[in-house]
């Protein structure tokens, strides 16, 4: 289903299979849950983009140079701003997907679930 992977900053994150057939296997009996998760994921991405653009507007406004569409599009965030935005995104993702993460953790600690997963793997 998923595996844990060490990220560059030393934290652990879930990496889902790239094989779409196996990735959707978890939701084969719950198509509505899979579609809802896809929608929530897409909306979370859109919110992250909106937050980055808002941050750009705020930084340009604070600089006193004013802003318009061209300035916003031309803005290139320095590395410290990118790091801040990444941290904000990771915190938002953790909040949005907390229920899913907790369920995965619960399932991973269940011996019966691990047994079924090992049987499927074989």
N, C-alpha and C. Protein backbone atom coordinates (compact mmCIF):
# COMPACT_ATOMS: atom_id res chain seq x y z
N UNK A 1 0.82 -1.19 0.00
CA UNK A 1 0.00 0.00 0.00
C UNK A 1 0.87 1.25 0.00
N UNK A 2 1.67 1.44 1.03
CA UNK A 2 2.56 2.58 1.08
C UNK A 2 3.79 2.19 1.86
N UNK A 3 4.80 3.02 1.77
CA UNK A 3 6.01 2.76 2.52
C UNK A 3 6.49 4.07 3.11
N UNK A 4 7.29 3.96 4.15
CA UNK A 4 7.82 5.16 4.77
C UNK A 4 9.16 5.46 4.12
N UNK A 5 9.44 6.74 3.92
CA UNK A 5 10.68 7.13 3.28
C UNK A 5 11.27 8.31 4.03
N UNK A 6 12.56 8.27 4.26
CA UNK A 6 13.26 9.38 4.91
C UNK A 6 13.38 10.53 3.92
N UNK A 7 12.87 11.70 4.28
CA UNK A 7 12.95 12.87 3.43
C UNK A 7 14.27 13.59 3.65
N UNK A 8 14.66 14.49 2.75
CA UNK A 8 15.94 15.18 2.88
C UNK A 8 16.14 15.90 4.20
N UNK A 9 15.06 16.40 4.81
CA UNK A 9 15.21 17.13 6.06
C UNK A 9 15.23 16.21 7.28
N UNK A 10 15.21 14.89 7.04
CA UNK A 10 15.30 13.94 8.14
C UNK A 10 13.95 13.44 8.64
N UNK A 11 12.85 14.04 8.20
CA UNK A 11 11.54 13.58 8.61
C UNK A 11 11.13 12.39 7.77
N UNK A 12 10.12 11.69 8.23
CA UNK A 12 9.62 10.56 7.47
C UNK A 12 8.34 10.95 6.78
N UNK A 13 8.12 10.43 5.60
CA UNK A 13 6.90 10.71 4.86
C UNK A 13 6.41 9.44 4.19
N UNK A 14 5.14 9.43 3.84
CA UNK A 14 4.58 8.27 3.15
C UNK A 14 4.78 8.43 1.65
N UNK A 15 5.23 7.37 1.02
CA UNK A 15 5.40 7.35 -0.42
C UNK A 15 4.44 6.28 -0.95
N UNK A 16 3.51 6.69 -1.79
CA UNK A 16 2.54 5.75 -2.33
C UNK A 16 3.08 5.15 -3.62
N UNK A 17 2.69 3.93 -3.89
CA UNK A 17 3.14 3.25 -5.09
C UNK A 17 2.84 4.07 -6.33
N UNK A 18 3.73 4.00 -7.28
CA UNK A 18 3.53 4.72 -8.54
C UNK A 18 2.65 3.92 -9.49
N UNK A 19 2.50 2.64 -9.24
CA UNK A 19 1.66 1.79 -10.08
C UNK A 19 0.20 2.09 -9.74
N UNK A 20 -0.52 2.72 -10.65
CA UNK A 20 -1.90 3.16 -10.38
C UNK A 20 -2.82 1.99 -10.02
N UNK A 21 -2.61 0.84 -10.62
CA UNK A 21 -3.48 -0.30 -10.33
C UNK A 21 -3.35 -0.71 -8.87
N UNK A 22 -2.13 -0.80 -8.35
CA UNK A 22 -1.93 -1.17 -6.95
C UNK A 22 -2.29 -0.02 -6.02
N UNK A 23 -2.06 1.20 -6.47
CA UNK A 23 -2.35 2.36 -5.64
C UNK A 23 -3.84 2.44 -5.35
N UNK A 24 -4.68 2.16 -6.35
CA UNK A 24 -6.13 2.27 -6.15
C UNK A 24 -6.72 1.01 -5.53
N UNK A 25 -5.92 -0.04 -5.35
CA UNK A 25 -6.39 -1.29 -4.79
C UNK A 25 -7.05 -1.08 -3.42
N UNK A 26 -6.52 -0.17 -2.63
CA UNK A 26 -7.04 0.09 -1.30
C UNK A 26 -8.49 0.55 -1.36
N UNK A 27 -8.85 1.27 -2.43
CA UNK A 27 -10.19 1.84 -2.54
C UNK A 27 -11.10 1.05 -3.46
N UNK A 28 -10.70 -0.17 -3.86
CA UNK A 28 -11.49 -0.91 -4.84
C UNK A 28 -12.92 -1.16 -4.34
N UNK A 29 -13.08 -1.35 -3.06
CA UNK A 29 -14.42 -1.57 -2.51
C UNK A 29 -15.04 -0.26 -2.02
N UNK A 30 -14.29 0.81 -2.07
CA UNK A 30 -14.75 2.10 -1.56
C UNK A 30 -14.46 3.19 -2.60
N UNK A 31 -15.05 3.06 -3.76
CA UNK A 31 -14.78 4.01 -4.85
C UNK A 31 -15.11 5.43 -4.44
N UNK A 32 -16.18 5.61 -3.67
CA UNK A 32 -16.56 6.96 -3.25
C UNK A 32 -15.50 7.58 -2.35
N UNK A 33 -14.88 6.77 -1.50
CA UNK A 33 -13.82 7.26 -0.62
C UNK A 33 -12.59 7.65 -1.45
N UNK A 34 -12.27 6.85 -2.45
CA UNK A 34 -11.15 7.17 -3.32
C UNK A 34 -11.36 8.46 -4.08
N UNK A 35 -12.57 8.65 -4.60
CA UNK A 35 -12.87 9.90 -5.32
C UNK A 35 -12.82 11.09 -4.38
N UNK A 36 -13.34 10.93 -3.17
CA UNK A 36 -13.30 12.02 -2.20
C UNK A 36 -11.86 12.36 -1.83
N UNK A 37 -11.03 11.36 -1.65
CA UNK A 37 -9.62 11.61 -1.33
C UNK A 37 -8.92 12.32 -2.48
N UNK A 38 -9.23 11.94 -3.71
CA UNK A 38 -8.67 12.63 -4.88
C UNK A 38 -9.08 14.10 -4.91
N UNK A 39 -10.35 14.37 -4.60
CA UNK A 39 -10.83 15.75 -4.59
C UNK A 39 -10.16 16.57 -3.48
N UNK A 40 -10.05 15.99 -2.31
CA UNK A 40 -9.42 16.69 -1.19
C UNK A 40 -7.95 16.96 -1.50
N UNK A 41 -7.29 16.01 -2.12
CA UNK A 41 -5.89 16.19 -2.50
C UNK A 41 -5.74 17.32 -3.51
N UNK A 42 -6.61 17.33 -4.52
CA UNK A 42 -6.56 18.40 -5.53
C UNK A 42 -6.84 19.76 -4.91
N UNK A 43 -7.83 19.84 -4.04
CA UNK A 43 -8.15 21.11 -3.39
C UNK A 43 -7.02 21.57 -2.47
N UNK A 44 -6.37 20.65 -1.80
CA UNK A 44 -5.24 21.00 -0.95
C UNK A 44 -4.11 21.60 -1.78
N UNK A 45 -3.87 21.03 -2.95
CA UNK A 45 -2.86 21.58 -3.86
C UNK A 45 -3.22 22.99 -4.31
N UNK A 46 -4.48 23.20 -4.63
CA UNK A 46 -4.93 24.53 -5.05
C UNK A 46 -4.78 25.54 -3.92
N UNK A 47 -5.09 25.13 -2.71
CA UNK A 47 -4.92 26.03 -1.56
C UNK A 47 -3.46 26.39 -1.38
N UNK A 48 -2.57 25.41 -1.54
CA UNK A 48 -1.13 25.69 -1.41
C UNK A 48 -0.69 26.73 -2.44
N UNK A 49 -1.19 26.61 -3.66
CA UNK A 49 -0.85 27.58 -4.71
C UNK A 49 -1.38 28.96 -4.35
N UNK A 50 -2.63 29.02 -3.89
CA UNK A 50 -3.20 30.31 -3.49
C UNK A 50 -2.42 30.95 -2.35
N UNK A 51 -2.01 30.13 -1.38
CA UNK A 51 -1.23 30.66 -0.26
C UNK A 51 0.11 31.21 -0.73
N UNK A 52 0.75 30.54 -1.67
CA UNK A 52 2.03 31.02 -2.19
C UNK A 52 1.84 32.35 -2.92
N UNK A 53 0.78 32.45 -3.71
CA UNK A 53 0.51 33.71 -4.43
C UNK A 53 0.17 34.84 -3.45
N UNK A 54 -0.60 34.52 -2.42
CA UNK A 54 -0.91 35.53 -1.41
C UNK A 54 0.37 36.00 -0.72
N UNK A 55 1.24 35.06 -0.40
CA UNK A 55 2.53 35.40 0.21
C UNK A 55 3.33 36.32 -0.71
N UNK A 56 3.31 36.03 -2.01
CA UNK A 56 4.00 36.89 -2.98
C UNK A 56 3.41 38.30 -2.96
N UNK A 57 2.10 38.39 -2.97
CA UNK A 57 1.44 39.71 -2.92
C UNK A 57 1.84 40.46 -1.65
N UNK A 58 1.82 39.76 -0.51
CA UNK A 58 2.16 40.41 0.75
C UNK A 58 3.61 40.89 0.76
N UNK A 59 4.51 40.09 0.24
CA UNK A 59 5.93 40.48 0.22
C UNK A 59 6.16 41.66 -0.72
N UNK A 60 5.51 41.65 -1.87
CA UNK A 60 5.64 42.77 -2.80
C UNK A 60 5.04 44.04 -2.19
N UNK A 61 3.91 43.92 -1.52
CA UNK A 61 3.28 45.08 -0.88
C UNK A 61 4.18 45.64 0.22
N UNK A 62 4.79 44.74 1.00
CA UNK A 62 5.67 45.18 2.09
C UNK A 62 6.93 45.85 1.57
N UNK A 63 7.36 45.49 0.36
CA UNK A 63 8.56 46.09 -0.20
C UNK A 63 8.32 47.54 -0.63
N UNK A 64 7.05 47.92 -0.72
CA UNK A 64 6.71 49.29 -1.09
C UNK A 64 6.76 49.57 -2.57
N UNK A 65 7.11 48.59 -3.37
CA UNK A 65 7.22 48.82 -4.81
C UNK A 65 5.88 48.63 -5.52
N UNK A 66 4.87 48.24 -4.77
CA UNK A 66 3.59 47.98 -5.40
C UNK A 66 3.61 46.68 -6.16
N UNK A 67 2.48 46.28 -6.66
CA UNK A 67 2.45 45.05 -7.43
C UNK A 67 1.34 45.09 -8.46
N UNK A 68 1.58 44.38 -9.51
CA UNK A 68 0.60 44.16 -10.55
C UNK A 68 0.82 42.74 -11.06
N UNK A 69 0.07 42.35 -12.03
CA UNK A 69 0.16 40.98 -12.53
C UNK A 69 1.59 40.64 -12.97
N UNK A 70 2.22 41.55 -13.69
CA UNK A 70 3.57 41.28 -14.20
C UNK A 70 4.57 41.10 -13.07
N UNK A 71 4.49 41.93 -12.02
CA UNK A 71 5.42 41.80 -10.89
C UNK A 71 5.19 40.50 -10.13
N UNK A 72 3.94 40.15 -9.97
CA UNK A 72 3.64 38.89 -9.27
C UNK A 72 4.20 37.71 -10.06
N UNK A 73 3.99 37.70 -11.35
CA UNK A 73 4.49 36.60 -12.18
C UNK A 73 6.02 36.58 -12.24
N UNK A 74 6.65 37.72 -12.14
CA UNK A 74 8.11 37.80 -12.24
C UNK A 74 8.80 37.51 -10.90
N UNK A 75 8.06 37.54 -9.82
CA UNK A 75 8.65 37.34 -8.49
C UNK A 75 9.25 35.94 -8.37
N UNK A 76 10.47 35.89 -7.92
CA UNK A 76 11.15 34.62 -7.65
C UNK A 76 11.54 34.62 -6.17
N UNK A 77 10.91 33.75 -5.44
CA UNK A 77 11.13 33.69 -3.99
C UNK A 77 12.54 33.22 -3.69
N UNK A 78 13.22 33.91 -2.75
CA UNK A 78 14.54 33.44 -2.32
C UNK A 78 14.41 32.13 -1.53
N UNK A 79 15.52 31.46 -1.31
CA UNK A 79 15.49 30.13 -0.70
C UNK A 79 14.86 30.13 0.69
N UNK A 80 15.07 31.19 1.48
CA UNK A 80 14.46 31.20 2.82
C UNK A 80 12.93 31.29 2.73
N UNK A 81 12.43 32.01 1.74
CA UNK A 81 10.98 32.11 1.54
C UNK A 81 10.44 30.77 1.05
N UNK A 82 11.16 30.11 0.15
CA UNK A 82 10.73 28.79 -0.33
C UNK A 82 10.70 27.79 0.82
N UNK A 83 11.70 27.85 1.70
CA UNK A 83 11.73 26.95 2.87
C UNK A 83 10.54 27.22 3.78
N UNK A 84 10.22 28.49 4.00
CA UNK A 84 9.06 28.86 4.82
C UNK A 84 7.78 28.32 4.19
N UNK A 85 7.62 28.52 2.90
CA UNK A 85 6.42 28.04 2.21
C UNK A 85 6.31 26.52 2.27
N UNK A 86 7.43 25.84 2.11
CA UNK A 86 7.42 24.37 2.17
C UNK A 86 6.99 23.90 3.56
N UNK A 87 7.51 24.57 4.59
CA UNK A 87 7.12 24.21 5.95
C UNK A 87 5.62 24.42 6.15
N UNK A 88 5.10 25.55 5.67
CA UNK A 88 3.67 25.84 5.77
C UNK A 88 2.85 24.78 5.03
N UNK A 89 3.30 24.39 3.85
CA UNK A 89 2.61 23.37 3.06
C UNK A 89 2.59 22.03 3.79
N UNK A 90 3.74 21.65 4.36
CA UNK A 90 3.81 20.37 5.07
C UNK A 90 2.90 20.36 6.29
N UNK A 91 2.82 21.49 6.99
CA UNK A 91 1.92 21.58 8.14
C UNK A 91 0.46 21.48 7.70
N UNK A 92 0.12 22.13 6.60
CA UNK A 92 -1.25 22.06 6.08
C UNK A 92 -1.59 20.64 5.66
N UNK A 93 -0.69 19.98 4.96
CA UNK A 93 -0.93 18.61 4.51
C UNK A 93 -1.12 17.69 5.72
N UNK A 94 -0.31 17.88 6.75
CA UNK A 94 -0.45 17.07 7.96
C UNK A 94 -1.83 17.28 8.60
N UNK A 95 -2.30 18.52 8.63
CA UNK A 95 -3.62 18.80 9.20
C UNK A 95 -4.73 18.19 8.35
N UNK A 96 -4.66 18.40 7.04
CA UNK A 96 -5.72 17.94 6.14
C UNK A 96 -5.81 16.42 6.13
N UNK A 97 -4.67 15.76 6.11
CA UNK A 97 -4.65 14.30 5.97
C UNK A 97 -4.42 13.57 7.29
N UNK A 98 -4.60 14.27 8.41
CA UNK A 98 -4.38 13.65 9.72
C UNK A 98 -5.21 12.38 9.89
N UNK A 99 -6.48 12.43 9.52
CA UNK A 99 -7.35 11.25 9.69
C UNK A 99 -6.84 10.06 8.88
N UNK A 100 -6.37 10.32 7.67
CA UNK A 100 -5.84 9.24 6.83
C UNK A 100 -4.56 8.68 7.44
N UNK A 101 -3.68 9.56 7.88
CA UNK A 101 -2.42 9.14 8.49
C UNK A 101 -2.66 8.31 9.75
N UNK A 102 -3.61 8.76 10.58
CA UNK A 102 -3.92 8.01 11.79
C UNK A 102 -4.49 6.63 11.46
N UNK A 103 -5.31 6.56 10.43
CA UNK A 103 -5.87 5.26 10.03
C UNK A 103 -4.78 4.34 9.49
N UNK A 104 -3.87 4.86 8.71
CA UNK A 104 -2.75 4.05 8.20
C UNK A 104 -1.90 3.55 9.37
N UNK A 105 -1.62 4.43 10.32
CA UNK A 105 -0.85 4.02 11.50
C UNK A 105 -1.57 2.92 12.28
N UNK A 106 -2.90 3.10 12.44
CA UNK A 106 -3.68 2.09 13.15
C UNK A 106 -3.64 0.76 12.41
N UNK A 107 -3.82 0.81 11.10
CA UNK A 107 -3.79 -0.42 10.31
C UNK A 107 -2.41 -1.07 10.35
N UNK A 108 -1.37 -0.27 10.30
CA UNK A 108 0.00 -0.81 10.31
C UNK A 108 0.32 -1.51 11.62
N UNK A 109 -0.34 -1.11 12.70
CA UNK A 109 -0.06 -1.73 13.99
C UNK A 109 -0.97 -2.92 14.28
N UNK A 110 -1.92 -3.20 13.40
CA UNK A 110 -2.85 -4.30 13.57
C UNK A 110 -2.25 -5.57 12.96
N UNK A 111 -2.03 -6.58 13.80
CA UNK A 111 -1.40 -7.83 13.35
C UNK A 111 -2.21 -8.53 12.27
N UNK A 112 -3.54 -8.49 12.37
CA UNK A 112 -4.39 -9.15 11.37
C UNK A 112 -4.25 -8.46 10.01
N UNK A 113 -4.17 -7.15 10.01
CA UNK A 113 -4.01 -6.40 8.76
C UNK A 113 -2.66 -6.72 8.14
N UNK A 114 -1.60 -6.73 8.96
CA UNK A 114 -0.26 -7.06 8.45
C UNK A 114 -0.26 -8.45 7.84
N UNK A 115 -0.95 -9.40 8.46
CA UNK A 115 -1.02 -10.77 7.94
C UNK A 115 -1.67 -10.78 6.57
N UNK A 116 -2.79 -10.07 6.41
CA UNK A 116 -3.50 -10.01 5.12
C UNK A 116 -2.61 -9.35 4.07
N UNK A 117 -1.94 -8.27 4.44
CA UNK A 117 -1.05 -7.58 3.49
C UNK A 117 0.10 -8.49 3.06
N UNK A 118 0.65 -9.25 3.96
CA UNK A 118 1.74 -10.17 3.61
C UNK A 118 1.23 -11.27 2.68
N UNK A 119 0.00 -11.74 2.89
CA UNK A 119 -0.58 -12.75 2.03
C UNK A 119 -0.77 -12.19 0.62
N UNK A 120 -1.24 -10.95 0.52
CA UNK A 120 -1.43 -10.32 -0.79
C UNK A 120 -0.11 -10.12 -1.50
N UNK A 121 0.93 -9.84 -0.73
CA UNK A 121 2.25 -9.58 -1.31
C UNK A 121 2.83 -10.84 -1.94
N UNK A 122 2.52 -11.98 -1.35
CA UNK A 122 3.08 -13.25 -1.82
C UNK A 122 2.46 -13.76 -3.07
